[in-house]
Amino acid sequence: MFANERAMNPLLERISIDPRVCFGKPCIRGTRIWVSLLLDQMAAGETPEDILRNYPQLKHEDLLAAIAYGAEAARERIIPVPSVKVA
């Protein structure tokens, strides 16, 4: 990854991958809410307002982060998000 790619998409910092949380699936940082769950709900026509009402711990930026992650995944390359190192 180029150094400026992270700066260009700071939303990805809202995503975490931890092998001890949700089997290492990408989640919104600090939650157990899968990025794929949010993408599925938006694809099914759920509005951001409905999702935020159902998951009050999320912020609008978290939904944007899920979309940004999906966009990176669609480019078929490794998605650079910080992993939690297991001690």
Protein backbone atom coordinates (compact mmCIF):
# COMPACT_ATOMS: atom_id res chain seq x y z
CA MET A 1 0.00 0.00 0.00
CA PHE A 2 1.22 3.46 -0.79
CA ALA A 3 1.57 5.81 2.17
CA ASN A 4 -0.96 8.26 0.77
CA GLU A 5 -3.66 5.58 0.27
CA ARG A 6 -4.37 5.43 4.02
CA ALA A 7 -4.50 9.22 4.16
CA MET A 8 -6.91 9.21 1.23
CA ASN A 9 -9.30 6.87 3.02
CA PRO A 10 -9.19 7.48 6.78
CA LEU A 11 -12.59 5.81 7.09
CA LEU A 12 -10.85 2.43 6.98
CA GLU A 13 -9.37 3.21 10.39
CA ARG A 14 -12.90 2.63 11.74
CA ILE A 15 -12.63 -1.05 10.71
CA SER A 16 -10.74 -3.67 12.71
CA ILE A 17 -9.80 -7.28 12.18
CA ASP A 18 -8.99 -9.26 15.29
CA PRO A 19 -8.70 -13.06 15.11
CA ARG A 20 -10.20 -13.23 18.62
CA VAL A 21 -13.31 -11.24 17.66
CA CYS A 22 -15.95 -12.65 15.32
CA PHE A 23 -13.48 -15.17 13.89
CA GLY A 24 -11.39 -12.37 12.40
CA LYS A 25 -14.18 -10.95 10.26
CA PRO A 26 -13.90 -7.22 9.56
CA CYS A 27 -15.93 -5.34 12.17
CA ILE A 28 -16.60 -1.76 13.06
CA ARG A 29 -13.81 -0.93 15.52
CA GLY A 30 -14.82 -1.47 19.14
CA THR A 31 -17.90 -3.53 18.24
CA ARG A 32 -18.79 -7.01 17.06
CA ILE A 33 -20.81 -5.63 14.17
CA TRP A 34 -19.63 -7.14 10.92
CA VAL A 35 -18.94 -4.90 7.96
CA SER A 36 -20.71 -7.49 5.80
CA LEU A 37 -23.85 -7.24 7.96
CA LEU A 38 -24.03 -3.49 7.38
CA LEU A 39 -23.39 -3.88 3.66
CA ASP A 40 -26.09 -6.55 3.44
CA GLN A 41 -28.58 -4.32 5.21
CA MET A 42 -27.83 -1.34 2.98
CA ALA A 43 -28.02 -3.55 -0.13
CA ALA A 44 -31.44 -4.77 1.08
CA GLY A 45 -32.67 -1.18 1.14
CA GLU A 46 -32.33 -0.35 4.82
CA THR A 47 -31.80 3.36 5.27
CA PRO A 48 -28.83 4.68 7.22
CA GLU A 49 -31.30 6.13 9.73
CA ASP A 50 -32.88 2.70 10.30
CA ILE A 51 -29.50 1.03 10.75
CA LEU A 52 -28.31 3.70 13.17
CA ARG A 53 -31.56 3.39 15.12
CA ASN A 54 -31.08 -0.41 15.36
CA TYR A 55 -27.39 -0.06 16.30
CA PRO A 56 -27.17 3.09 18.43
CA GLN A 57 -23.47 2.50 19.15
CA LEU A 58 -22.69 3.23 15.48
CA LYS A 59 -22.11 6.59 13.85
CA HIS A 60 -22.86 7.61 10.29
CA GLU A 61 -19.11 7.47 9.58
CA ASP A 62 -19.16 3.77 10.49
CA LEU A 63 -21.62 3.13 7.66
CA LEU A 64 -19.40 5.09 5.29
CA ALA A 65 -16.44 3.01 6.50
CA ALA A 66 -18.34 -0.19 5.67
CA ILE A 67 -19.00 1.12 2.16
CA ALA A 68 -15.36 2.16 1.77
CA TYR A 69 -14.25 -1.31 2.85
CA GLY A 70 -16.62 -2.90 0.35
CA ALA A 71 -15.23 -0.66 -2.39
CA GLU A 72 -11.68 -1.73 -1.54
CA ALA A 73 -12.73 -5.39 -1.55
CA ALA A 74 -14.28 -4.94 -4.99
CA ARG A 75 -10.89 -3.85 -6.30
CA GLU A 76 -9.65 -7.40 -5.58
CA ARG A 77 -6.62 -6.48 -3.58
CA ILE A 78 -5.54 -6.79 0.03
CA ILE A 79 -7.37 -4.35 2.24
CA PRO A 80 -4.93 -2.75 4.68
CA VAL A 81 -6.63 -2.42 8.04
CA PRO A 82 -4.79 -2.78 11.31
CA SER A 83 -4.90 -6.28 12.77
CA VAL A 84 -4.71 -6.88 16.47
CA LYS A 85 -1.62 -8.91 17.31
CA VAL A 86 -2.24 -11.87 19.55
CA ALA A 87 0.31 -12.06 22.34
